[in-house]
């Protein structure tokens, strides 16, 4: 019997995190844990007036993600889990959007909560070019994302690259997704699955 695993998928907006998590749910007979971002009451306002609503949207996300992570902590070890986000992403967005007293207040809240969060067995970082990200964002057609600036996506991508360049709390697998269509192409999904299986070989154990 294979021990339960916990996989977290990360990457910039539009890279395909939720799509891949949904597919891996079946691949690994796992429970999917999806970020509940559309329920954030400040999200639409933030995209229109980011400076005004940055703190509100960030704290709302922090609380929502923390509540989900507590559930993950209770279930981990009982069954396999696949999440379409990593809790640490919250701090990435906050560092990008907040400054001064707002950043300091957020930073204190984040660290109190982060101490209680369990680490994934594997983090998958999906990487893509800005052109690919902008095309995918446009294609999925979410109203509150339609005016998202290319410059913001570029800054976010640079933030992710810097973060994962030194990431070591969990094993990390980086997948370049520019040429992949794991939703529409079974061959691409098999390729991703093979990459994950190889990475998980370092962390999975067999229970007799």
N, C-alpha and C. Protein backbone atom coordinates (compact mmCIF):
# COMPACT_ATOMS: atom_id res chain seq x y z
N UNK A 1 0.83 -1.19 0.00
CA UNK A 1 0.00 0.00 0.00
C UNK A 1 0.87 1.25 0.00
N UNK A 2 0.54 2.24 -0.86
CA UNK A 2 1.30 3.47 -0.95
C UNK A 2 0.79 4.48 0.07
N UNK A 3 1.70 5.07 0.82
CA UNK A 3 1.31 6.05 1.83
C UNK A 3 0.67 7.27 1.19
N UNK A 4 -0.28 7.91 1.84
CA UNK A 4 -0.90 9.13 1.30
C UNK A 4 0.14 10.22 1.09
N UNK A 5 -0.07 11.03 0.05
CA UNK A 5 0.85 12.11 -0.27
C UNK A 5 0.10 13.43 -0.32
N UNK A 6 0.84 14.51 -0.17
CA UNK A 6 0.26 15.85 -0.25
C UNK A 6 1.08 16.65 -1.26
N UNK A 7 0.43 16.99 -2.38
CA UNK A 7 1.06 17.75 -3.46
C UNK A 7 0.44 19.13 -3.52
N UNK A 8 1.29 20.16 -3.62
CA UNK A 8 0.81 21.53 -3.81
C UNK A 8 1.35 22.05 -5.15
N UNK A 9 0.47 22.64 -5.94
CA UNK A 9 0.84 23.15 -7.26
C UNK A 9 0.85 24.67 -7.21
N UNK A 10 1.90 25.27 -7.74
CA UNK A 10 2.02 26.72 -7.72
C UNK A 10 2.44 27.28 -9.08
N UNK A 11 2.28 28.58 -9.22
CA UNK A 11 2.65 29.27 -10.44
C UNK A 11 1.85 30.55 -10.57
N UNK A 12 2.21 31.34 -11.54
CA UNK A 12 1.59 32.65 -11.75
C UNK A 12 0.14 32.49 -12.21
N UNK A 13 -0.65 33.50 -12.02
CA UNK A 13 -2.05 33.53 -12.46
C UNK A 13 -2.14 33.08 -13.92
N UNK A 14 -3.02 32.11 -14.19
CA UNK A 14 -3.26 31.67 -15.54
C UNK A 14 -2.39 30.52 -16.02
N UNK A 15 -1.48 30.03 -15.18
CA UNK A 15 -0.54 29.01 -15.64
C UNK A 15 -1.18 27.63 -15.74
N UNK A 16 -2.29 27.39 -15.03
CA UNK A 16 -2.97 26.09 -15.12
C UNK A 16 -2.96 25.28 -13.85
N UNK A 17 -2.80 25.94 -12.72
CA UNK A 17 -2.72 25.22 -11.44
C UNK A 17 -3.98 24.42 -11.14
N UNK A 18 -5.14 25.07 -11.25
CA UNK A 18 -6.41 24.40 -10.92
C UNK A 18 -6.71 23.28 -11.89
N UNK A 19 -6.43 23.51 -13.17
CA UNK A 19 -6.66 22.46 -14.17
C UNK A 19 -5.83 21.23 -13.87
N UNK A 20 -4.55 21.43 -13.54
CA UNK A 20 -3.69 20.29 -13.25
C UNK A 20 -4.10 19.60 -11.96
N UNK A 21 -4.44 20.37 -10.94
CA UNK A 21 -4.88 19.77 -9.68
C UNK A 21 -6.11 18.91 -9.89
N UNK A 22 -7.03 19.36 -10.72
CA UNK A 22 -8.25 18.59 -11.01
C UNK A 22 -7.91 17.26 -11.67
N UNK A 23 -6.98 17.30 -12.63
CA UNK A 23 -6.58 16.08 -13.32
C UNK A 23 -5.82 15.12 -12.40
N UNK A 24 -4.97 15.67 -11.55
CA UNK A 24 -4.18 14.82 -10.65
C UNK A 24 -5.03 14.20 -9.55
N UNK A 25 -6.17 14.81 -9.28
CA UNK A 25 -7.09 14.24 -8.31
C UNK A 25 -7.45 12.80 -8.70
N UNK A 26 -7.72 12.60 -9.97
CA UNK A 26 -8.03 11.25 -10.46
C UNK A 26 -6.78 10.40 -10.61
N UNK A 27 -5.70 11.01 -11.07
CA UNK A 27 -4.46 10.27 -11.29
C UNK A 27 -3.94 9.63 -10.00
N UNK A 28 -4.10 10.33 -8.89
CA UNK A 28 -3.56 9.83 -7.62
C UNK A 28 -4.65 9.43 -6.63
N UNK A 29 -5.88 9.34 -7.12
CA UNK A 29 -7.00 8.99 -6.23
C UNK A 29 -6.96 9.87 -4.99
N UNK A 30 -6.85 11.17 -5.23
CA UNK A 30 -6.64 12.13 -4.14
C UNK A 30 -7.84 13.07 -4.01
N UNK A 31 -7.89 13.72 -2.89
CA UNK A 31 -8.88 14.78 -2.70
C UNK A 31 -8.27 16.10 -3.14
N UNK A 32 -8.98 16.85 -3.97
CA UNK A 32 -8.49 18.14 -4.43
C UNK A 32 -8.89 19.23 -3.44
N UNK A 33 -7.95 20.12 -3.16
CA UNK A 33 -8.21 21.27 -2.30
C UNK A 33 -7.97 22.51 -3.15
N UNK A 34 -9.05 23.17 -3.55
CA UNK A 34 -8.95 24.31 -4.46
C UNK A 34 -9.07 25.63 -3.71
N UNK A 35 -8.24 26.56 -4.11
CA UNK A 35 -8.28 27.89 -3.50
C UNK A 35 -9.63 28.55 -3.79
N UNK A 36 -10.24 29.13 -2.77
CA UNK A 36 -11.57 29.74 -2.92
C UNK A 36 -11.40 31.24 -3.16
N UNK A 37 -10.76 31.59 -4.27
CA UNK A 37 -10.41 32.99 -4.50
C UNK A 37 -11.59 33.84 -4.94
N UNK A 38 -12.56 33.25 -5.62
CA UNK A 38 -13.67 34.04 -6.14
C UNK A 38 -14.62 34.51 -5.04
N UNK A 39 -14.48 33.95 -3.84
CA UNK A 39 -15.33 34.38 -2.73
C UNK A 39 -14.74 35.56 -1.98
N UNK A 40 -13.55 35.99 -2.37
CA UNK A 40 -12.95 37.16 -1.72
C UNK A 40 -13.77 38.40 -2.11
N UNK A 41 -14.40 39.08 -1.14
CA UNK A 41 -15.30 40.19 -1.46
C UNK A 41 -14.58 41.43 -2.01
N UNK A 42 -13.24 41.47 -1.88
CA UNK A 42 -12.50 42.65 -2.31
C UNK A 42 -11.76 42.45 -3.64
N UNK A 43 -11.85 41.24 -4.21
CA UNK A 43 -11.02 40.91 -5.36
C UNK A 43 -11.29 41.78 -6.57
N UNK A 44 -12.55 41.92 -6.95
CA UNK A 44 -12.89 42.73 -8.11
C UNK A 44 -12.46 44.18 -7.92
N UNK A 45 -12.71 44.71 -6.73
CA UNK A 45 -12.31 46.09 -6.44
C UNK A 45 -10.80 46.25 -6.48
N UNK A 46 -10.07 45.23 -6.02
CA UNK A 46 -8.61 45.29 -6.03
C UNK A 46 -8.06 45.41 -7.45
N UNK A 47 -8.63 44.65 -8.39
CA UNK A 47 -8.13 44.72 -9.75
C UNK A 47 -8.39 46.07 -10.40
N UNK A 48 -9.40 46.78 -9.93
CA UNK A 48 -9.69 48.12 -10.46
C UNK A 48 -8.91 49.20 -9.72
N UNK A 49 -8.73 49.04 -8.39
CA UNK A 49 -8.01 50.03 -7.59
C UNK A 49 -7.08 49.30 -6.63
N UNK A 50 -5.98 48.77 -7.15
CA UNK A 50 -5.10 47.92 -6.33
C UNK A 50 -4.54 48.60 -5.09
N UNK A 51 -4.17 49.84 -5.17
CA UNK A 51 -3.57 50.50 -4.01
C UNK A 51 -4.59 50.69 -2.89
N UNK A 52 -5.83 50.94 -3.24
CA UNK A 52 -6.86 51.18 -2.24
C UNK A 52 -7.28 49.90 -1.53
N UNK A 53 -7.34 48.80 -2.27
CA UNK A 53 -7.91 47.58 -1.71
C UNK A 53 -6.88 46.47 -1.45
N UNK A 54 -5.60 46.77 -1.57
CA UNK A 54 -4.57 45.74 -1.43
C UNK A 54 -4.61 45.08 -0.05
N UNK A 55 -4.68 45.87 1.00
CA UNK A 55 -4.64 45.30 2.35
C UNK A 55 -5.88 44.45 2.63
N UNK A 56 -7.06 44.96 2.25
CA UNK A 56 -8.29 44.22 2.50
C UNK A 56 -8.29 42.87 1.76
N UNK A 57 -7.91 42.91 0.49
CA UNK A 57 -7.94 41.66 -0.29
C UNK A 57 -6.93 40.67 0.24
N UNK A 58 -5.77 41.17 0.72
CA UNK A 58 -4.73 40.27 1.18
C UNK A 58 -5.09 39.60 2.50
N UNK A 59 -5.67 40.35 3.42
CA UNK A 59 -6.07 39.77 4.70
C UNK A 59 -7.21 38.77 4.50
N UNK A 60 -8.14 39.09 3.61
CA UNK A 60 -9.23 38.15 3.32
C UNK A 60 -8.69 36.85 2.75
N UNK A 61 -7.71 36.93 1.85
CA UNK A 61 -7.09 35.73 1.30
C UNK A 61 -6.34 34.96 2.39
N UNK A 62 -5.63 35.66 3.23
CA UNK A 62 -4.86 35.01 4.29
C UNK A 62 -5.76 34.18 5.20
N UNK A 63 -6.88 34.76 5.62
CA UNK A 63 -7.80 34.05 6.50
C UNK A 63 -8.43 32.85 5.80
N UNK A 64 -8.82 33.02 4.54
CA UNK A 64 -9.43 31.93 3.79
C UNK A 64 -8.44 30.78 3.60
N UNK A 65 -7.21 31.12 3.20
CA UNK A 65 -6.21 30.09 2.97
C UNK A 65 -5.82 29.38 4.27
N UNK A 66 -5.77 30.12 5.36
CA UNK A 66 -5.43 29.52 6.64
C UNK A 66 -6.49 28.51 7.07
N UNK A 67 -7.76 28.87 6.88
CA UNK A 67 -8.85 27.95 7.23
C UNK A 67 -8.77 26.67 6.41
N UNK A 68 -8.47 26.80 5.12
CA UNK A 68 -8.32 25.62 4.28
C UNK A 68 -7.13 24.77 4.72
N UNK A 69 -6.04 25.43 5.06
CA UNK A 69 -4.84 24.70 5.46
C UNK A 69 -5.03 23.94 6.76
N UNK A 70 -5.85 24.46 7.64
CA UNK A 70 -6.16 23.72 8.87
C UNK A 70 -6.88 22.41 8.55
N UNK A 71 -7.76 22.46 7.56
CA UNK A 71 -8.46 21.25 7.12
C UNK A 71 -7.47 20.27 6.51
N UNK A 72 -6.53 20.79 5.68
CA UNK A 72 -5.51 19.93 5.09
C UNK A 72 -4.69 19.25 6.18
N UNK A 73 -4.35 20.00 7.22
CA UNK A 73 -3.58 19.44 8.32
C UNK A 73 -4.29 18.30 9.01
N UNK A 74 -5.61 18.40 9.10
CA UNK A 74 -6.40 17.35 9.74
C UNK A 74 -6.49 16.10 8.87
N UNK A 75 -6.46 16.28 7.55
CA UNK A 75 -6.65 15.15 6.63
C UNK A 75 -5.35 14.52 6.16
N UNK A 76 -4.28 15.27 6.20
CA UNK A 76 -2.99 14.75 5.72
C UNK A 76 -2.61 13.50 6.50
N UNK A 77 -2.13 12.50 5.78
CA UNK A 77 -1.77 11.24 6.41
C UNK A 77 -2.90 10.22 6.36
N UNK A 78 -4.14 10.70 6.17
CA UNK A 78 -5.28 9.80 6.05
C UNK A 78 -5.59 9.45 4.60
N UNK A 79 -5.42 10.46 3.71
CA UNK A 79 -5.63 10.23 2.28
C UNK A 79 -4.77 11.21 1.50
N UNK A 80 -4.56 10.93 0.22
CA UNK A 80 -3.75 11.81 -0.60
C UNK A 80 -4.50 13.10 -0.91
N UNK A 81 -3.76 14.19 -0.99
CA UNK A 81 -4.32 15.51 -1.23
C UNK A 81 -3.55 16.21 -2.35
N UNK A 82 -4.28 16.93 -3.19
CA UNK A 82 -3.67 17.76 -4.23
C UNK A 82 -4.27 19.15 -4.11
N UNK A 83 -3.42 20.14 -3.87
CA UNK A 83 -3.88 21.52 -3.72
C UNK A 83 -3.40 22.36 -4.89
N UNK A 84 -4.22 23.35 -5.30
CA UNK A 84 -3.82 24.22 -6.40
C UNK A 84 -3.14 25.50 -5.90
N UNK A 85 -2.62 25.46 -4.67
CA UNK A 85 -1.83 26.59 -4.18
C UNK A 85 -0.99 26.16 -2.98
N UNK A 86 0.02 26.94 -2.72
CA UNK A 86 0.90 26.77 -1.57
C UNK A 86 0.64 27.93 -0.62
N UNK A 87 0.54 27.65 0.66
CA UNK A 87 0.22 28.71 1.62
C UNK A 87 1.20 29.87 1.53
N UNK A 88 2.46 29.59 1.26
CA UNK A 88 3.47 30.64 1.20
C UNK A 88 3.21 31.66 0.09
N UNK A 89 2.37 31.31 -0.90
CA UNK A 89 2.07 32.26 -1.96
C UNK A 89 1.43 33.52 -1.42
N UNK A 90 0.73 33.40 -0.29
CA UNK A 90 0.04 34.55 0.26
C UNK A 90 1.04 35.67 0.55
N UNK A 91 2.18 35.29 1.10
CA UNK A 91 3.19 36.28 1.42
C UNK A 91 3.82 36.88 0.16
N UNK A 92 3.92 36.09 -0.91
CA UNK A 92 4.46 36.60 -2.17
C UNK A 92 3.61 37.75 -2.69
N UNK A 93 2.29 37.52 -2.73
CA UNK A 93 1.39 38.56 -3.22
C UNK A 93 1.39 39.76 -2.29
N UNK A 94 1.43 39.51 -1.00
CA UNK A 94 1.42 40.61 -0.04
C UNK A 94 2.67 41.47 -0.19
N UNK A 95 3.81 40.84 -0.38
CA UNK A 95 5.05 41.60 -0.52
C UNK A 95 5.03 42.45 -1.78
N UNK A 96 4.32 41.98 -2.77
CA UNK A 96 4.21 42.70 -4.04
C UNK A 96 3.25 43.88 -3.94
N UNK A 97 2.22 43.73 -3.11
CA UNK A 97 1.13 44.71 -3.10
C UNK A 97 1.09 45.63 -1.89
N UNK A 98 1.78 45.25 -0.80
CA UNK A 98 1.70 46.02 0.43
C UNK A 98 3.03 46.70 0.75
N UNK A 99 2.95 47.73 1.57
CA UNK A 99 4.15 48.42 2.02
C UNK A 99 3.86 49.10 3.35
N UNK A 100 4.91 49.57 4.01
CA UNK A 100 4.74 50.34 5.23
C UNK A 100 4.04 49.58 6.34
N UNK A 101 3.17 50.29 7.07
CA UNK A 101 2.47 49.69 8.20
C UNK A 101 1.57 48.54 7.79
N UNK A 102 0.99 48.62 6.59
CA UNK A 102 0.12 47.53 6.13
C UNK A 102 0.92 46.25 5.96
N UNK A 103 2.13 46.35 5.39
CA UNK A 103 2.97 45.17 5.24
C UNK A 103 3.39 44.62 6.60
N UNK A 104 3.77 45.48 7.52
CA UNK A 104 4.21 45.03 8.83
C UNK A 104 3.08 44.32 9.58
N UNK A 105 1.87 44.87 9.50
CA UNK A 105 0.73 44.24 10.16
C UNK A 105 0.42 42.89 9.55
N UNK A 106 0.39 42.85 8.23
CA UNK A 106 0.15 41.58 7.53
C UNK A 106 1.23 40.56 7.89
N UNK A 107 2.49 41.01 7.86
CA UNK A 107 3.62 40.12 8.09
C UNK A 107 3.52 39.42 9.45
N UNK A 108 3.11 40.14 10.45
CA UNK A 108 2.94 39.55 11.78
C UNK A 108 1.82 38.50 11.79
N UNK A 109 0.72 38.82 11.15
CA UNK A 109 -0.39 37.86 11.06
C UNK A 109 0.04 36.59 10.33
N UNK A 110 0.73 36.78 9.22
CA UNK A 110 1.15 35.64 8.40
C UNK A 110 2.02 34.67 9.20
N UNK A 111 3.00 35.18 9.92
CA UNK A 111 3.93 34.30 10.61
C UNK A 111 3.28 33.56 11.78
N UNK A 112 2.33 34.17 12.41
CA UNK A 112 1.59 33.47 13.47
C UNK A 112 0.86 32.27 12.88
N UNK A 113 0.26 32.45 11.71
CA UNK A 113 -0.49 31.38 11.07
C UNK A 113 0.42 30.34 10.42
N UNK A 114 1.50 30.80 9.80
CA UNK A 114 2.38 29.89 9.05
C UNK A 114 3.00 28.82 9.94
N UNK A 115 3.19 29.12 11.22
CA UNK A 115 3.79 28.16 12.13
C UNK A 115 2.93 26.91 12.30
N UNK A 116 1.64 26.99 11.98
CA UNK A 116 0.73 25.88 12.18
C UNK A 116 0.39 25.13 10.87
N UNK A 117 1.06 25.50 9.80
CA UNK A 117 0.75 24.91 8.50
C UNK A 117 1.70 23.75 8.21
N UNK A 118 1.17 22.62 7.76
CA UNK A 118 2.02 21.49 7.41
C UNK A 118 2.63 21.69 6.02
N UNK A 119 3.76 21.06 5.79
CA UNK A 119 4.46 21.21 4.52
C UNK A 119 4.05 20.10 3.55
N UNK A 120 3.92 20.42 2.26
CA UNK A 120 3.60 19.38 1.27
C UNK A 120 4.75 18.39 1.11
N UNK A 121 4.41 17.20 0.65
CA UNK A 121 5.45 16.23 0.30
C UNK A 121 6.16 16.62 -0.98
N UNK A 122 5.45 17.37 -1.83
CA UNK A 122 6.04 17.83 -3.09
C UNK A 122 5.35 19.12 -3.51
N UNK A 123 6.15 20.09 -3.92
CA UNK A 123 5.63 21.33 -4.51
C UNK A 123 5.95 21.31 -6.00
N UNK A 124 4.94 21.53 -6.82
CA UNK A 124 5.11 21.59 -8.27
C UNK A 124 4.98 23.04 -8.70
N UNK A 125 6.04 23.59 -9.26
CA UNK A 125 6.03 24.97 -9.75
C UNK A 125 5.88 24.94 -11.27
N UNK A 126 4.70 25.36 -11.74
CA UNK A 126 4.46 25.47 -13.18
C UNK A 126 4.97 26.82 -13.66
N UNK A 127 5.87 26.78 -14.60
CA UNK A 127 6.47 28.00 -15.14
C UNK A 127 5.96 28.23 -16.56
N UNK A 128 5.75 29.51 -16.93
CA UNK A 128 5.31 29.83 -18.30
C UNK A 128 5.76 31.25 -18.63
N UNK A 129 5.88 31.53 -19.93
CA UNK A 129 6.26 32.87 -20.37
C UNK A 129 5.09 33.83 -20.17
N UNK A 130 5.39 35.12 -20.17
CA UNK A 130 4.33 36.12 -20.01
C UNK A 130 3.32 36.04 -21.14
N UNK A 131 3.79 35.82 -22.36
CA UNK A 131 2.86 35.70 -23.50
C UNK A 131 1.87 34.56 -23.27
N UNK A 132 2.38 33.42 -22.81
CA UNK A 132 1.51 32.27 -22.55
C UNK A 132 0.52 32.59 -21.44
N UNK A 133 0.99 33.21 -20.39
CA UNK A 133 0.12 33.54 -19.26
C UNK A 133 -0.99 34.51 -19.68
N UNK A 134 -0.64 35.54 -20.44
CA UNK A 134 -1.64 36.52 -20.87
C UNK A 134 -2.68 35.88 -21.79
N UNK A 135 -2.22 34.96 -22.65
CA UNK A 135 -3.14 34.28 -23.55
C UNK A 135 -4.10 33.40 -22.77
N UNK A 136 -3.61 32.70 -21.78
CA UNK A 136 -4.47 31.81 -20.98
C UNK A 136 -5.44 32.61 -20.11
N UNK A 137 -4.99 33.73 -19.58
CA UNK A 137 -5.87 34.59 -18.80
C UNK A 137 -7.02 35.11 -19.67
N UNK A 138 -6.69 35.54 -20.87
CA UNK A 138 -7.72 36.03 -21.81
C UNK A 138 -8.68 34.92 -22.19
N UNK A 139 -8.15 33.73 -22.43
CA UNK A 139 -8.97 32.61 -22.90
C UNK A 139 -9.98 32.15 -21.85
N UNK A 140 -9.61 32.20 -20.56
CA UNK A 140 -10.56 31.73 -19.56
C UNK A 140 -11.62 32.77 -19.22
N UNK A 141 -11.39 34.02 -19.57
CA UNK A 141 -12.45 35.02 -19.59
C UNK A 141 -13.07 35.40 -18.26
N UNK A 142 -12.31 35.41 -17.19
CA UNK A 142 -12.87 35.86 -15.92
C UNK A 142 -13.01 37.38 -15.94
N UNK A 143 -14.21 37.89 -15.65
CA UNK A 143 -14.47 39.33 -15.79
C UNK A 143 -13.49 40.21 -15.02
N UNK A 144 -13.16 39.81 -13.79
CA UNK A 144 -12.30 40.66 -12.97
C UNK A 144 -10.83 40.60 -13.39
N UNK A 145 -10.49 39.70 -14.34
CA UNK A 145 -9.11 39.62 -14.82
C UNK A 145 -8.91 40.28 -16.18
N UNK A 146 -9.98 40.73 -16.81
CA UNK A 146 -9.89 41.17 -18.21
C UNK A 146 -9.00 42.39 -18.40
N UNK A 147 -8.87 43.21 -17.36
CA UNK A 147 -8.03 44.41 -17.47
C UNK A 147 -6.69 44.26 -16.75
N UNK A 148 -6.31 43.04 -16.47
CA UNK A 148 -5.07 42.80 -15.76
C UNK A 148 -3.88 43.23 -16.62
N UNK A 149 -3.01 44.04 -16.06
CA UNK A 149 -1.90 44.61 -16.82
C UNK A 149 -0.79 43.58 -17.03
N UNK A 150 -0.21 43.61 -18.21
CA UNK A 150 0.92 42.73 -18.51
C UNK A 150 2.08 43.00 -17.56
N UNK A 151 2.28 44.27 -17.21
CA UNK A 151 3.38 44.61 -16.30
C UNK A 151 3.21 43.95 -14.93
N UNK A 152 1.96 43.86 -14.46
CA UNK A 152 1.71 43.21 -13.18
C UNK A 152 2.06 41.73 -13.25
N UNK A 153 1.69 41.07 -14.35
CA UNK A 153 2.01 39.65 -14.52
C UNK A 153 3.52 39.45 -14.59
N UNK A 154 4.22 40.35 -15.25
CA UNK A 154 5.68 40.24 -15.33
C UNK A 154 6.32 40.38 -13.96
N UNK A 155 5.84 41.32 -13.16
CA UNK A 155 6.36 41.51 -11.80
C UNK A 155 6.06 40.28 -10.95
N UNK A 156 4.87 39.73 -11.11
CA UNK A 156 4.49 38.56 -10.35
C UNK A 156 5.35 37.36 -10.74
N UNK A 157 5.59 37.20 -12.03
CA UNK A 157 6.43 36.09 -12.50
C UNK A 157 7.85 36.21 -11.95
N UNK A 158 8.37 37.42 -11.92
CA UNK A 158 9.72 37.63 -11.39
C UNK A 158 9.75 37.31 -9.89
N UNK A 159 8.69 37.64 -9.18
CA UNK A 159 8.60 37.34 -7.75
C UNK A 159 8.59 35.84 -7.52
N UNK A 160 7.82 35.11 -8.33
CA UNK A 160 7.78 33.65 -8.22
C UNK A 160 9.15 33.03 -8.51
N UNK A 161 9.80 33.52 -9.56
CA UNK A 161 11.11 32.98 -9.92
C UNK A 161 12.11 33.16 -8.78
N UNK A 162 12.11 34.34 -8.20
CA UNK A 162 13.03 34.61 -7.10
C UNK A 162 12.71 33.72 -5.89
N UNK A 163 11.44 33.53 -5.61
CA UNK A 163 11.03 32.72 -4.47
C UNK A 163 11.47 31.27 -4.64
N UNK A 164 11.19 30.69 -5.79
CA UNK A 164 11.49 29.27 -5.98
C UNK A 164 12.97 29.01 -6.29
N UNK A 165 13.72 30.06 -6.58
CA UNK A 165 15.16 29.88 -6.81
C UNK A 165 15.87 29.42 -5.55
N UNK A 166 15.31 29.75 -4.39
CA UNK A 166 15.93 29.35 -3.12
C UNK A 166 14.99 28.54 -2.23
N UNK A 167 13.89 28.04 -2.79
CA UNK A 167 12.89 27.33 -1.98
C UNK A 167 13.43 25.96 -1.55
N UNK A 168 13.30 25.63 -0.27
CA UNK A 168 13.77 24.32 0.20
C UNK A 168 12.94 23.67 1.31
N UNK A 169 11.82 24.26 1.77
CA UNK A 169 11.05 23.60 2.84
C UNK A 169 10.49 22.24 2.43
N UNK A 170 10.20 22.05 1.15
CA UNK A 170 9.68 20.78 0.62
C UNK A 170 10.40 20.46 -0.67
N UNK A 171 10.42 19.19 -1.09
CA UNK A 171 10.94 18.86 -2.42
C UNK A 171 10.21 19.66 -3.49
N UNK A 172 10.95 20.14 -4.49
CA UNK A 172 10.40 21.03 -5.51
C UNK A 172 10.60 20.44 -6.90
N UNK A 173 9.53 20.44 -7.70
CA UNK A 173 9.58 20.02 -9.10
C UNK A 173 9.17 21.21 -9.96
N UNK A 174 10.03 21.63 -10.88
CA UNK A 174 9.73 22.74 -11.78
C UNK A 174 9.39 22.18 -13.15
N UNK A 175 8.24 22.58 -13.69
CA UNK A 175 7.80 22.13 -15.01
C UNK A 175 7.54 23.35 -15.89
N UNK A 176 8.23 23.42 -17.02
CA UNK A 176 7.97 24.48 -18.00
C UNK A 176 6.73 24.09 -18.79
N UNK A 177 5.70 24.91 -18.71
CA UNK A 177 4.41 24.52 -19.28
C UNK A 177 4.06 25.23 -20.59
N UNK A 178 4.97 26.02 -21.13
CA UNK A 178 4.67 26.76 -22.36
C UNK A 178 4.17 25.85 -23.48
N UNK A 179 4.83 24.73 -23.67
CA UNK A 179 4.46 23.84 -24.77
C UNK A 179 3.56 22.69 -24.37
N UNK A 180 3.01 22.74 -23.17
CA UNK A 180 2.20 21.63 -22.66
C UNK A 180 0.71 21.97 -22.67
N UNK A 181 -0.09 20.98 -23.02
CA UNK A 181 -1.55 21.09 -22.92
C UNK A 181 -2.03 19.83 -22.19
N UNK A 182 -1.83 19.81 -20.88
CA UNK A 182 -2.17 18.60 -20.13
C UNK A 182 -3.67 18.40 -20.00
N UNK A 183 -4.46 19.44 -20.33
CA UNK A 183 -5.92 19.29 -20.31
C UNK A 183 -6.40 18.60 -21.58
N UNK A 184 -5.88 19.00 -22.73
CA UNK A 184 -6.37 18.47 -24.00
C UNK A 184 -5.55 17.37 -24.60
N UNK A 185 -4.37 17.11 -24.07
CA UNK A 185 -3.47 16.11 -24.66
C UNK A 185 -3.07 15.08 -23.61
N UNK A 186 -3.49 13.85 -23.79
CA UNK A 186 -3.17 12.79 -22.84
C UNK A 186 -1.67 12.55 -22.75
N UNK A 187 -0.96 12.73 -23.87
CA UNK A 187 0.48 12.54 -23.85
C UNK A 187 1.17 13.54 -22.93
N UNK A 188 0.69 14.79 -22.97
CA UNK A 188 1.27 15.81 -22.09
C UNK A 188 0.94 15.51 -20.62
N UNK A 189 -0.26 15.03 -20.36
CA UNK A 189 -0.62 14.66 -18.99
C UNK A 189 0.23 13.50 -18.51
N UNK A 190 0.49 12.52 -19.36
CA UNK A 190 1.35 11.39 -18.99
C UNK A 190 2.75 11.88 -18.66
N UNK A 191 3.24 12.84 -19.46
CA UNK A 191 4.58 13.39 -19.21
C UNK A 191 4.64 14.04 -17.83
N UNK A 192 3.62 14.84 -17.50
CA UNK A 192 3.60 15.49 -16.19
C UNK A 192 3.52 14.45 -15.09
N UNK A 193 2.68 13.44 -15.28
CA UNK A 193 2.55 12.38 -14.28
C UNK A 193 3.89 11.66 -14.07
N UNK A 194 4.61 11.41 -15.14
CA UNK A 194 5.91 10.75 -15.03
C UNK A 194 6.90 11.60 -14.24
N UNK A 195 6.86 12.92 -14.48
CA UNK A 195 7.74 13.82 -13.73
C UNK A 195 7.41 13.80 -12.24
N UNK A 196 6.12 13.80 -11.93
CA UNK A 196 5.70 13.77 -10.53
C UNK A 196 6.06 12.45 -9.87
N UNK A 197 5.83 11.34 -10.58
CA UNK A 197 6.16 10.04 -10.01
C UNK A 197 7.64 9.94 -9.69
N UNK A 198 8.48 10.47 -10.58
CA UNK A 198 9.92 10.42 -10.33
C UNK A 198 10.29 11.25 -9.11
N UNK A 199 9.68 12.43 -8.98
CA UNK A 199 9.96 13.29 -7.83
C UNK A 199 9.42 12.67 -6.55
N UNK A 200 8.25 12.08 -6.60
CA UNK A 200 7.64 11.50 -5.41
C UNK A 200 8.36 10.24 -4.95
N UNK A 201 9.16 9.66 -5.81
CA UNK A 201 9.95 8.50 -5.42
C UNK A 201 10.89 8.81 -4.28
N UNK A 202 11.18 10.08 -4.07
CA UNK A 202 12.08 10.49 -2.99
C UNK A 202 11.35 10.64 -1.66
N UNK A 203 9.99 10.71 -1.76
CA UNK A 203 9.26 11.00 -0.52
C UNK A 203 8.20 9.97 -0.19
N UNK A 204 7.82 9.14 -1.17
CA UNK A 204 6.81 8.12 -0.90
C UNK A 204 7.44 6.94 -0.16
N UNK A 205 6.67 6.31 0.69
CA UNK A 205 7.11 5.09 1.36
C UNK A 205 6.06 4.01 1.16
N UNK A 206 6.49 2.77 1.19
CA UNK A 206 5.57 1.66 1.04
C UNK A 206 5.28 1.08 2.42
N UNK A 207 4.00 0.94 2.73
CA UNK A 207 3.59 0.36 4.01
C UNK A 207 3.14 -1.07 3.76
N UNK A 208 3.75 -2.03 4.44
CA UNK A 208 3.41 -3.45 4.23
C UNK A 208 2.23 -3.83 5.12
